[in-house]
Amino acid sequence: MILMTFILIVVIIFAILPKYSKRISVTISRYVYKITDNELSIRTEIKDLKSEQDTISMTEEFAKHAKLQRRIDKLSAEVKRLAAVRNSKITVVNIGVKAGIYVSQAILMLVIVLTNRTEPLLLFPENWFYPFHNIVALPTGVPGGLGVVCWIMACRTAVNRFISLWSVGQSSEEIKTQLFVPERKLEEIPLD
């Protein structure tokens, strides 16, 4: 019974965890890929140049204004390039976190199945699952037994159904609040 509860909890965790992989990867990336001092200095230089450019009249000192604008554009392009490099690294972390979740789930389930392959989790009368008794008993082969594989599949199906029903309920409530528009009174428009 403890193993059955443990499997159910593991299935619930691994069903919910991929939905939060983006948040996990963003948290990891904040600590690993911080904004560099070089990028911060370029950003402050851009702010300084923009404030200097605001003090210059564009019509009276066009050459100076254009020169500052070219410099701002060059520094902005450099900041965008640095941000793109950082964002690509964050994307790699996001993919790695998702892959890590799925790989760890597969390994954990494989270990559970391999360590508990000889004994059934529960024993039922043999005729309860008659046409499917061999499938239900996987991998034990004990007639009337509930195998680990069948229990994992049953837990996974139940959790996925619950999550899909939960998300449908959430989305229908959001749709109702978005579609509700109070009635408007027609204003009298003069026809003159």
N, C-alpha and C. Protein backbone atom coordinates (compact mmCIF):
# COMPACT_ATOMS: atom_id res chain seq x y z
N MET A 1 0.82 -1.19 0.00
CA MET A 1 0.00 0.00 0.00
C MET A 1 0.87 1.26 0.00
N ILE A 2 1.99 1.21 0.68
CA ILE A 2 2.90 2.36 0.72
C ILE A 2 3.48 2.60 -0.67
N LEU A 3 3.83 1.51 -1.35
CA LEU A 3 4.38 1.64 -2.70
C LEU A 3 3.35 2.22 -3.66
N MET A 4 2.10 1.82 -3.51
CA MET A 4 1.04 2.36 -4.38
C MET A 4 0.87 3.86 -4.15
N THR A 5 0.89 4.28 -2.90
CA THR A 5 0.77 5.70 -2.59
C THR A 5 1.99 6.47 -3.10
N PHE A 6 3.17 5.89 -2.94
CA PHE A 6 4.38 6.53 -3.43
C PHE A 6 4.32 6.70 -4.95
N ILE A 7 3.89 5.68 -5.66
CA ILE A 7 3.77 5.77 -7.12
C ILE A 7 2.78 6.85 -7.51
N LEU A 8 1.65 6.92 -6.82
CA LEU A 8 0.65 7.96 -7.12
C LEU A 8 1.23 9.35 -6.91
N ILE A 9 1.95 9.55 -5.82
CA ILE A 9 2.56 10.86 -5.55
C ILE A 9 3.60 11.20 -6.61
N VAL A 10 4.41 10.23 -7.00
CA VAL A 10 5.43 10.47 -8.03
C VAL A 10 4.77 10.82 -9.36
N VAL A 11 3.70 10.13 -9.70
CA VAL A 11 2.99 10.42 -10.95
C VAL A 11 2.40 11.83 -10.92
N ILE A 12 1.85 12.23 -9.80
CA ILE A 12 1.28 13.58 -9.67
C ILE A 12 2.38 14.63 -9.82
N ILE A 13 3.50 14.41 -9.15
CA ILE A 13 4.61 15.38 -9.22
C ILE A 13 5.12 15.51 -10.65
N PHE A 14 5.33 14.38 -11.32
CA PHE A 14 5.86 14.43 -12.68
C PHE A 14 4.81 14.87 -13.70
N ALA A 15 3.54 14.88 -13.35
CA ALA A 15 2.53 15.43 -14.24
C ALA A 15 2.47 16.95 -14.13
N ILE A 16 2.76 17.47 -12.94
CA ILE A 16 2.69 18.91 -12.71
C ILE A 16 4.01 19.60 -13.03
N LEU A 17 5.11 18.94 -12.76
CA LEU A 17 6.44 19.54 -12.88
C LEU A 17 6.76 20.13 -14.26
N PRO A 18 6.42 19.47 -15.38
CA PRO A 18 6.74 20.08 -16.69
C PRO A 18 6.06 21.43 -16.92
N LYS A 19 4.92 21.65 -16.29
CA LYS A 19 4.24 22.94 -16.44
C LYS A 19 5.03 24.08 -15.79
N TYR A 20 5.88 23.75 -14.83
CA TYR A 20 6.67 24.75 -14.14
C TYR A 20 8.13 24.75 -14.58
N SER A 21 8.44 24.05 -15.66
CA SER A 21 9.83 23.98 -16.12
C SER A 21 10.34 25.35 -16.57
N LYS A 22 9.47 26.16 -17.12
CA LYS A 22 9.87 27.51 -17.56
C LYS A 22 10.29 28.34 -16.34
N ARG A 23 9.51 28.28 -15.28
CA ARG A 23 9.86 29.04 -14.07
C ARG A 23 11.15 28.53 -13.45
N ILE A 24 11.32 27.22 -13.45
CA ILE A 24 12.54 26.64 -12.90
C ILE A 24 13.75 27.09 -13.70
N SER A 25 13.64 27.05 -15.03
CA SER A 25 14.78 27.43 -15.87
C SER A 25 15.06 28.93 -15.76
N VAL A 26 14.04 29.76 -15.60
CA VAL A 26 14.26 31.19 -15.42
C VAL A 26 14.98 31.45 -14.10
N THR A 27 14.60 30.73 -13.05
CA THR A 27 15.26 30.89 -11.76
C THR A 27 16.72 30.46 -11.83
N ILE A 28 16.98 29.35 -12.49
CA ILE A 28 18.36 28.89 -12.66
C ILE A 28 19.15 29.89 -13.48
N SER A 29 18.55 30.38 -14.55
CA SER A 29 19.25 31.29 -15.46
C SER A 29 19.57 32.63 -14.81
N ARG A 30 18.73 33.07 -13.88
CA ARG A 30 19.01 34.33 -13.19
C ARG A 30 20.33 34.27 -12.44
N TYR A 31 20.62 33.12 -11.88
CA TYR A 31 21.85 32.98 -11.12
C TYR A 31 23.05 32.63 -12.00
N VAL A 32 22.81 31.93 -13.09
CA VAL A 32 23.92 31.49 -13.94
C VAL A 32 24.28 32.54 -14.97
N TYR A 33 23.28 33.09 -15.65
CA TYR A 33 23.53 34.05 -16.74
C TYR A 33 23.04 35.44 -16.35
N LYS A 34 23.78 36.09 -15.51
CA LYS A 34 23.44 37.44 -15.08
C LYS A 34 23.85 38.44 -16.16
N ILE A 35 23.28 39.63 -16.06
CA ILE A 35 23.68 40.71 -16.97
C ILE A 35 25.10 41.12 -16.59
N THR A 36 25.97 41.17 -17.59
CA THR A 36 27.39 41.46 -17.32
C THR A 36 27.58 42.94 -17.02
N ASP A 37 28.71 43.25 -16.41
CA ASP A 37 29.04 44.65 -16.13
C ASP A 37 29.21 45.43 -17.42
N ASN A 38 29.74 44.78 -18.45
CA ASN A 38 29.91 45.43 -19.75
C ASN A 38 28.56 45.87 -20.30
N GLU A 39 27.56 44.98 -20.23
CA GLU A 39 26.24 45.32 -20.74
C GLU A 39 25.59 46.43 -19.91
N LEU A 40 25.77 46.38 -18.61
CA LEU A 40 25.23 47.44 -17.75
C LEU A 40 25.86 48.80 -18.06
N SER A 41 27.19 48.79 -18.30
CA SER A 41 27.85 50.06 -18.62
C SER A 41 27.38 50.59 -19.97
N ILE A 42 27.14 49.69 -20.93
CA ILE A 42 26.63 50.13 -22.23
C ILE A 42 25.23 50.72 -22.08
N ARG A 43 24.40 50.10 -21.26
CA ARG A 43 23.05 50.62 -21.04
C ARG A 43 23.07 51.99 -20.38
N THR A 44 23.94 52.16 -19.38
CA THR A 44 24.01 53.48 -18.75
C THR A 44 24.56 54.52 -19.72
N GLU A 45 25.49 54.10 -20.58
CA GLU A 45 26.02 55.02 -21.59
C GLU A 45 24.93 55.43 -22.57
N ILE A 46 24.06 54.50 -22.94
CA ILE A 46 22.94 54.82 -23.83
C ILE A 46 22.01 55.82 -23.16
N LYS A 47 21.72 55.61 -21.89
CA LYS A 47 20.86 56.55 -21.17
C LYS A 47 21.48 57.94 -21.13
N ASP A 48 22.78 57.99 -20.86
CA ASP A 48 23.47 59.28 -20.81
C ASP A 48 23.44 59.97 -22.17
N LEU A 49 23.69 59.20 -23.22
CA LEU A 49 23.67 59.77 -24.58
C LEU A 49 22.28 60.26 -24.96
N LYS A 50 21.24 59.53 -24.56
CA LYS A 50 19.87 59.97 -24.87
C LYS A 50 19.52 61.25 -24.12
N SER A 51 19.97 61.33 -22.85
CA SER A 51 19.69 62.56 -22.11
C SER A 51 20.46 63.74 -22.71
N GLU A 52 21.68 63.48 -23.17
CA GLU A 52 22.47 64.52 -23.83
C GLU A 52 21.81 64.92 -25.15
N GLN A 53 21.28 63.94 -25.86
CA GLN A 53 20.64 64.20 -27.15
C GLN A 53 19.36 65.02 -26.96
N ASP A 54 18.66 64.80 -25.85
CA ASP A 54 17.44 65.56 -25.58
C ASP A 54 17.73 67.04 -25.34
N THR A 55 18.92 67.35 -24.86
CA THR A 55 19.26 68.74 -24.60
C THR A 55 19.66 69.49 -25.87
N ILE A 56 19.99 68.73 -26.92
CA ILE A 56 20.44 69.36 -28.18
C ILE A 56 19.24 69.57 -29.09
N SER A 57 19.17 70.74 -29.69
CA SER A 57 18.12 71.04 -30.64
C SER A 57 18.45 70.36 -31.97
N MET A 58 17.51 69.60 -32.47
CA MET A 58 17.74 68.84 -33.70
C MET A 58 17.86 69.77 -34.91
N THR A 59 17.12 70.83 -34.93
CA THR A 59 17.15 71.73 -36.10
C THR A 59 18.39 72.62 -36.11
N GLU A 60 18.85 73.04 -34.93
CA GLU A 60 19.99 73.95 -34.89
C GLU A 60 21.33 73.21 -34.98
N GLU A 61 21.43 72.07 -34.32
CA GLU A 61 22.70 71.32 -34.32
C GLU A 61 22.44 69.90 -34.83
N PHE A 62 22.03 69.82 -36.09
CA PHE A 62 21.67 68.54 -36.69
C PHE A 62 22.83 67.56 -36.73
N ALA A 63 24.03 68.01 -37.07
CA ALA A 63 25.20 67.12 -37.20
C ALA A 63 25.52 66.46 -35.86
N LYS A 64 25.51 67.25 -34.79
CA LYS A 64 25.81 66.71 -33.46
C LYS A 64 24.71 65.73 -33.03
N HIS A 65 23.47 66.09 -33.32
CA HIS A 65 22.32 65.24 -32.97
C HIS A 65 22.40 63.91 -33.73
N ALA A 66 22.72 63.95 -35.00
CA ALA A 66 22.81 62.74 -35.83
C ALA A 66 23.98 61.86 -35.37
N LYS A 67 25.09 62.51 -34.99
CA LYS A 67 26.25 61.76 -34.53
C LYS A 67 25.92 61.00 -33.24
N LEU A 68 25.21 61.66 -32.32
CA LEU A 68 24.79 61.00 -31.08
C LEU A 68 23.81 59.85 -31.38
N GLN A 69 22.92 60.08 -32.36
CA GLN A 69 21.95 59.04 -32.71
C GLN A 69 22.64 57.81 -33.29
N ARG A 70 23.63 58.00 -34.12
CA ARG A 70 24.39 56.87 -34.68
C ARG A 70 25.09 56.10 -33.56
N ARG A 71 25.65 56.83 -32.62
CA ARG A 71 26.33 56.17 -31.49
C ARG A 71 25.35 55.39 -30.62
N ILE A 72 24.17 56.00 -30.40
CA ILE A 72 23.12 55.31 -29.63
C ILE A 72 22.67 54.05 -30.36
N ASP A 73 22.50 54.14 -31.67
CA ASP A 73 22.07 52.98 -32.45
C ASP A 73 23.12 51.87 -32.41
N LYS A 74 24.39 52.25 -32.48
CA LYS A 74 25.47 51.26 -32.45
C LYS A 74 25.50 50.56 -31.09
N LEU A 75 25.37 51.33 -30.01
CA LEU A 75 25.38 50.74 -28.67
C LEU A 75 24.12 49.89 -28.42
N SER A 76 22.99 50.35 -28.96
CA SER A 76 21.75 49.58 -28.82
C SER A 76 21.85 48.24 -29.53
N ALA A 77 22.48 48.24 -30.70
CA ALA A 77 22.69 46.98 -31.43
C ALA A 77 23.58 46.04 -30.63
N GLU A 78 24.59 46.58 -29.97
CA GLU A 78 25.48 45.75 -29.15
C GLU A 78 24.72 45.16 -27.96
N VAL A 79 23.85 45.96 -27.32
CA VAL A 79 23.05 45.47 -26.20
C VAL A 79 22.10 44.37 -26.68
N LYS A 80 21.49 44.56 -27.85
CA LYS A 80 20.59 43.55 -28.40
C LYS A 80 21.34 42.25 -28.70
N ARG A 81 22.56 42.38 -29.21
CA ARG A 81 23.36 41.19 -29.51
C ARG A 81 23.69 40.43 -28.22
N LEU A 82 24.10 41.17 -27.18
CA LEU A 82 24.42 40.53 -25.91
C LEU A 82 23.18 39.88 -25.28
N ALA A 83 22.04 40.55 -25.41
CA ALA A 83 20.79 40.00 -24.88
C ALA A 83 20.38 38.75 -25.66
N ALA A 84 20.60 38.74 -26.96
CA ALA A 84 20.26 37.57 -27.77
C ALA A 84 21.13 36.37 -27.39
N VAL A 85 22.40 36.62 -27.13
CA VAL A 85 23.29 35.53 -26.69
C VAL A 85 22.82 34.98 -25.36
N ARG A 86 22.48 35.87 -24.44
CA ARG A 86 22.01 35.44 -23.12
C ARG A 86 20.68 34.68 -23.25
N ASN A 87 19.78 35.16 -24.09
CA ASN A 87 18.49 34.49 -24.27
C ASN A 87 18.65 33.11 -24.90
N SER A 88 19.61 32.96 -25.80
CA SER A 88 19.83 31.63 -26.38
C SER A 88 20.34 30.67 -25.32
N LYS A 89 21.17 31.15 -24.43
CA LYS A 89 21.66 30.30 -23.34
C LYS A 89 20.51 29.93 -22.39
N ILE A 90 19.61 30.88 -22.14
CA ILE A 90 18.45 30.61 -21.29
C ILE A 90 17.55 29.57 -21.95
N THR A 91 17.40 29.63 -23.27
CA THR A 91 16.60 28.65 -23.99
C THR A 91 17.21 27.25 -23.86
N VAL A 92 18.53 27.17 -23.93
CA VAL A 92 19.20 25.88 -23.75
C VAL A 92 18.94 25.34 -22.34
N VAL A 93 18.98 26.22 -21.35
CA VAL A 93 18.69 25.79 -19.97
C VAL A 93 17.25 25.29 -19.86
N ASN A 94 16.31 25.99 -20.51
CA ASN A 94 14.91 25.59 -20.49
C ASN A 94 14.73 24.20 -21.10
N ILE A 95 15.37 23.95 -22.24
CA ILE A 95 15.29 22.64 -22.87
C ILE A 95 15.93 21.58 -21.98
N GLY A 96 17.05 21.93 -21.36
CA GLY A 96 17.73 20.99 -20.46
C GLY A 96 16.89 20.65 -19.25
N VAL A 97 16.19 21.63 -18.69
CA VAL A 97 15.34 21.36 -17.53
C VAL A 97 14.19 20.43 -17.92
N LYS A 98 13.55 20.72 -19.06
CA LYS A 98 12.46 19.84 -19.52
C LYS A 98 12.97 18.43 -19.77
N ALA A 99 14.09 18.32 -20.46
CA ALA A 99 14.65 17.00 -20.74
C ALA A 99 15.02 16.29 -19.44
N GLY A 100 15.58 17.03 -18.50
CA GLY A 100 15.95 16.45 -17.20
C GLY A 100 14.74 15.91 -16.46
N ILE A 101 13.63 16.64 -16.54
CA ILE A 101 12.41 16.18 -15.88
C ILE A 101 11.94 14.87 -16.49
N TYR A 102 11.89 14.82 -17.82
CA TYR A 102 11.39 13.61 -18.49
C TYR A 102 12.34 12.43 -18.32
N VAL A 103 13.62 12.68 -18.37
CA VAL A 103 14.59 11.59 -18.19
C VAL A 103 14.55 11.06 -16.76
N SER A 104 14.48 11.96 -15.78
CA SER A 104 14.43 11.50 -14.39
C SER A 104 13.13 10.74 -14.12
N GLN A 105 12.04 11.16 -14.75
CA GLN A 105 10.78 10.42 -14.61
C GLN A 105 10.92 9.02 -15.19
N ALA A 106 11.49 8.92 -16.37
CA ALA A 106 11.64 7.61 -17.01
C ALA A 106 12.54 6.70 -16.19
N ILE A 107 13.64 7.23 -15.70
CA ILE A 107 14.55 6.42 -14.90
C ILE A 107 13.89 5.97 -13.59
N LEU A 108 13.19 6.88 -12.92
CA LEU A 108 12.54 6.52 -11.66
C LEU A 108 11.47 5.45 -11.88
N MET A 109 10.67 5.60 -12.92
CA MET A 109 9.63 4.60 -13.20
C MET A 109 10.25 3.26 -13.57
N LEU A 110 11.32 3.28 -14.32
CA LEU A 110 12.01 2.04 -14.70
C LEU A 110 12.57 1.34 -13.46
N VAL A 111 13.15 2.10 -12.56
CA VAL A 111 13.68 1.52 -11.32
C VAL A 111 12.56 0.92 -10.48
N ILE A 112 11.44 1.62 -10.39
CA ILE A 112 10.30 1.10 -9.62
C ILE A 112 9.79 -0.20 -10.24
N VAL A 113 9.66 -0.22 -11.56
CA VAL A 113 9.16 -1.43 -12.23
C VAL A 113 10.15 -2.59 -12.06
N LEU A 114 11.44 -2.32 -12.23
CA LEU A 114 12.42 -3.40 -12.14
C LEU A 114 12.58 -3.94 -10.72
N THR A 115 12.49 -3.08 -9.74
CA THR A 115 12.65 -3.56 -8.36
C THR A 115 11.41 -4.26 -7.83
N ASN A 116 10.25 -4.01 -8.43
CA ASN A 116 9.00 -4.61 -7.94
C ASN A 116 8.34 -5.47 -9.00
N ARG A 117 9.12 -6.14 -9.83
CA ARG A 117 8.55 -6.90 -10.94
C ARG A 117 8.08 -8.30 -10.55
N THR A 118 8.45 -8.78 -9.39
CA THR A 118 8.12 -10.18 -9.05
C THR A 118 6.87 -10.32 -8.20
N GLU A 119 6.51 -9.30 -7.43
CA GLU A 119 5.36 -9.41 -6.55
C GLU A 119 4.28 -8.41 -6.93
N PRO A 120 3.01 -8.84 -6.91
CA PRO A 120 1.92 -7.92 -7.23
C PRO A 120 1.69 -6.93 -6.09
N LEU A 121 1.14 -5.78 -6.43
CA LEU A 121 0.83 -4.78 -5.40
C LEU A 121 -0.39 -5.19 -4.58
N LEU A 122 -1.40 -5.73 -5.27
CA LEU A 122 -2.62 -6.21 -4.61
C LEU A 122 -3.04 -7.52 -5.27
N LEU A 123 -3.74 -8.35 -4.52
CA LEU A 123 -4.29 -9.58 -5.07
C LEU A 123 -5.81 -9.51 -5.07
N PHE A 124 -6.40 -9.81 -6.20
CA PHE A 124 -7.85 -9.84 -6.36
C PHE A 124 -8.25 -11.26 -6.76
N PRO A 125 -9.53 -11.58 -6.70
CA PRO A 125 -9.96 -12.88 -7.24
C PRO A 125 -9.60 -12.94 -8.73
N GLU A 126 -9.22 -14.10 -9.18
CA GLU A 126 -8.69 -14.28 -10.53
C GLU A 126 -9.71 -13.93 -11.61
N ASN A 127 -11.00 -14.14 -11.35
CA ASN A 127 -12.01 -13.91 -12.38
C ASN A 127 -12.43 -12.45 -12.51
N TRP A 128 -11.96 -11.55 -11.68
CA TRP A 128 -12.33 -10.14 -11.77
C TRP A 128 -11.85 -9.50 -13.06
N PHE A 129 -10.67 -9.84 -13.47
CA PHE A 129 -10.08 -9.22 -14.66
C PHE A 129 -9.92 -10.25 -15.77
N TYR A 130 -10.87 -11.21 -15.88
CA TYR A 130 -10.67 -12.38 -16.70
C TYR A 130 -10.06 -12.15 -18.08
N PRO A 131 -10.65 -11.39 -18.96
CA PRO A 131 -9.98 -11.35 -20.27
C PRO A 131 -8.66 -10.59 -20.23
N PHE A 132 -8.50 -9.73 -19.24
CA PHE A 132 -7.32 -8.87 -19.19
C PHE A 132 -6.40 -9.21 -18.01
N HIS A 133 -6.57 -10.36 -17.39
CA HIS A 133 -5.80 -10.67 -16.18
C HIS A 133 -4.29 -10.70 -16.42
N ASN A 134 -3.86 -11.05 -17.62
CA ASN A 134 -2.42 -11.05 -17.90
C ASN A 134 -1.87 -9.63 -18.03
N ILE A 135 -2.67 -8.73 -18.59
CA ILE A 135 -2.24 -7.33 -18.74
C ILE A 135 -2.21 -6.64 -17.38
N VAL A 136 -3.23 -6.88 -16.56
CA VAL A 136 -3.30 -6.26 -15.24
C VAL A 136 -2.16 -6.75 -14.35
N ALA A 137 -1.74 -7.96 -14.53
CA ALA A 137 -0.71 -8.54 -13.68
C ALA A 137 0.71 -8.23 -14.14
N LEU A 138 0.88 -7.48 -15.21
CA LEU A 138 2.23 -7.17 -15.71
C LEU A 138 3.07 -6.48 -14.65
N PRO A 139 4.26 -6.76 -14.46
CA PRO A 139 5.14 -7.78 -15.02
C PRO A 139 5.20 -9.04 -14.17
N THR A 140 4.31 -9.17 -13.17
CA THR A 140 4.42 -10.29 -12.23
C THR A 140 3.96 -11.61 -12.84
N GLY A 141 2.88 -11.59 -13.59
CA GLY A 141 2.34 -12.82 -14.16
C GLY A 141 1.49 -13.59 -13.17
N VAL A 142 1.24 -13.06 -12.00
CA VAL A 142 0.41 -13.72 -10.99
C VAL A 142 -1.06 -13.48 -11.35
N PRO A 143 -1.84 -14.53 -11.58
CA PRO A 143 -3.26 -14.33 -11.93
C PRO A 143 -4.00 -13.63 -10.79
N GLY A 144 -4.75 -12.60 -11.12
CA GLY A 144 -5.50 -11.83 -10.13
C GLY A 144 -4.67 -10.79 -9.42
N GLY A 145 -3.42 -10.67 -9.76
CA GLY A 145 -2.55 -9.69 -9.11
C GLY A 145 -2.54 -8.37 -9.88
N LEU A 146 -2.34 -7.29 -9.16
CA LEU A 146 -2.21 -5.97 -9.77
C LEU A 146 -0.73 -5.65 -9.86
N GLY A 147 -0.22 -5.57 -11.07
CA GLY A 147 1.19 -5.31 -11.28
C GLY A 147 1.52 -3.83 -11.22
N VAL A 148 2.80 -3.54 -11.10
CA VAL A 148 3.28 -2.17 -11.00
C VAL A 148 2.98 -1.38 -12.28
N VAL A 149 3.17 -2.00 -13.42
CA VAL A 149 2.96 -1.32 -14.69
C VAL A 149 1.52 -0.88 -14.84
N CYS A 150 0.59 -1.76 -14.52
CA CYS A 150 -0.84 -1.42 -14.62
C CYS A 150 -1.19 -0.30 -13.64
N TRP A 151 -0.63 -0.34 -12.44
CA TRP A 151 -0.91 0.70 -11.45
C TRP A 151 -0.36 2.05 -11.92
N ILE A 152 0.83 2.05 -12.48
CA ILE A 152 1.41 3.30 -13.00
C ILE A 152 0.55 3.86 -14.11
N MET A 153 0.11 2.99 -15.02
CA MET A 153 -0.74 3.47 -16.13
C MET A 153 -2.08 3.99 -15.61
N ALA A 154 -2.66 3.32 -14.62
CA ALA A 154 -3.93 3.77 -14.05
C ALA A 154 -3.77 5.11 -13.35
N CYS A 155 -2.70 5.26 -12.58
CA CYS A 155 -2.44 6.55 -11.90
C CYS A 155 -2.23 7.65 -12.91
N ARG A 156 -1.44 7.36 -13.94
CA ARG A 156 -1.13 8.36 -14.97
C ARG A 156 -2.40 8.80 -15.69
N THR A 157 -3.27 7.84 -16.03
CA THR A 157 -4.52 8.16 -16.70
C THR A 157 -5.41 9.01 -15.81
N ALA A 158 -5.55 8.62 -14.55
CA ALA A 158 -6.41 9.37 -13.63
C ALA A 158 -5.89 10.78 -13.41
N VAL A 159 -4.59 10.93 -13.22
CA VAL A 159 -4.02 12.27 -12.99
C VAL A 159 -4.17 13.14 -14.23
N ASN A 160 -3.93 12.58 -15.41
CA ASN A 160 -4.07 13.36 -16.64
C ASN A 160 -5.52 13.78 -16.87
N ARG A 161 -6.47 12.89 -16.58
CA ARG A 161 -7.89 13.25 -16.71
C ARG A 161 -8.25 14.36 -15.74
N PHE A 162 -7.77 14.26 -14.51
CA PHE A 162 -8.06 15.29 -13.52
C PHE A 162 -7.48 16.63 -13.95
N ILE A 163 -6.25 16.61 -14.44
CA ILE A 163 -5.61 17.86 -14.88
C ILE A 163 -6.36 18.45 -16.07
N SER A 164 -6.78 17.61 -17.01
CA SER A 164 -7.50 18.14 -18.18
C SER A 164 -8.86 18.69 -17.76
N LEU A 165 -9.55 18.02 -16.84
CA LEU A 165 -10.82 18.56 -16.35
C LEU A 165 -10.61 19.85 -15.59
N TRP A 166 -9.56 19.92 -14.81
CA TRP A 166 -9.24 21.13 -14.06
C TRP A 166 -8.97 22.30 -15.00
N SER A 167 -8.19 22.04 -16.05
CA SER A 167 -7.85 23.12 -16.99
C SER A 167 -9.07 23.54 -17.79
N VAL A 168 -9.97 22.62 -18.11
CA VAL A 168 -11.20 22.98 -18.82
C VAL A 168 -12.05 23.86 -17.92
N GLY A 169 -12.16 23.50 -16.65
CA GLY A 169 -12.92 24.31 -15.69
C GLY A 169 -12.32 25.70 -15.54
N GLN A 170 -11.00 25.79 -15.49
CA GLN A 170 -10.33 27.07 -15.37
C GLN A 170 -10.57 27.92 -16.61
N SER A 171 -10.44 27.32 -17.79
CA SER A 171 -10.58 28.11 -19.01
C SER A 171 -12.02 28.55 -19.22
N SER A 172 -13.01 27.74 -18.84
CA SER A 172 -14.39 28.16 -19.01
C SER A 172 -14.74 29.33 -18.10
N GLU A 173 -14.17 29.35 -16.89
CA GLU A 173 -14.38 30.49 -15.99
C GLU A 173 -13.75 31.75 -16.55
N GLU A 174 -12.54 31.61 -17.13
CA GLU A 174 -11.89 32.77 -17.73
C GLU A 174 -12.68 33.29 -18.91
N ILE A 175 -13.23 32.39 -19.71
CA ILE A 175 -14.03 32.80 -20.87
C ILE A 175 -15.27 33.54 -20.41
N LYS A 176 -15.93 33.04 -19.36
CA LYS A 176 -17.13 33.70 -18.86
C LYS A 176 -16.82 35.12 -18.39
N THR A 177 -15.71 35.31 -17.70
CA THR A 177 -15.39 36.64 -17.21
C THR A 177 -14.97 37.57 -18.34
N GLN A 178 -14.35 37.01 -19.40
CA GLN A 178 -13.93 37.84 -20.51
C GLN A 178 -15.10 38.21 -21.41
N LEU A 179 -16.09 37.32 -21.52
CA LEU A 179 -17.21 37.58 -22.42
C LEU A 179 -18.29 38.43 -21.80
N PHE A 180 -18.30 38.56 -20.48
CA PHE A 180 -19.33 39.34 -19.82
C PHE A 180 -19.13 40.82 -20.11
N VAL A 181 -20.08 41.39 -20.80
CA VAL A 181 -20.05 42.81 -21.10
C VAL A 181 -21.38 43.39 -20.62
N PRO A 182 -21.35 44.39 -19.76
CA PRO A 182 -22.62 44.95 -19.28
C PRO A 182 -23.40 45.59 -20.44
N GLU A 183 -24.70 45.56 -20.29
CA GLU A 183 -25.54 46.12 -21.34
C GLU A 183 -25.31 47.63 -21.43
N ARG A 184 -25.31 48.10 -22.66
CA ARG A 184 -25.13 49.53 -22.89
C ARG A 184 -26.46 50.14 -23.33
N LYS A 185 -26.71 51.32 -22.83
CA LYS A 185 -27.92 52.01 -23.23
C LYS A 185 -27.61 52.82 -24.48
N LEU A 186 -28.53 52.78 -25.41
CA LEU A 186 -28.33 53.56 -26.62
C LEU A 186 -28.53 55.02 -26.30
N GLU A 187 -27.57 55.80 -26.74
CA GLU A 187 -27.68 57.24 -26.52
C GLU A 187 -28.50 57.85 -27.64
N GLU A 188 -29.23 58.84 -27.25
CA GLU A 188 -30.01 59.52 -28.28
C GLU A 188 -29.10 60.42 -29.08
N ILE A 189 -29.10 60.18 -30.37
CA ILE A 189 -28.25 60.96 -31.27
C ILE A 189 -29.16 61.92 -32.03
N PRO A 190 -28.83 63.21 -31.95
CA PRO A 190 -29.66 64.16 -32.69
C PRO A 190 -29.50 63.95 -34.20
N LEU A 191 -30.60 64.02 -34.90
CA LEU A 191 -30.60 63.77 -36.33
C LEU A 191 -30.56 65.06 -37.14
N ASP A 192 -30.21 66.16 -36.56
CA ASP A 192 -30.18 67.45 -37.26
C ASP A 192 -29.18 67.47 -38.35
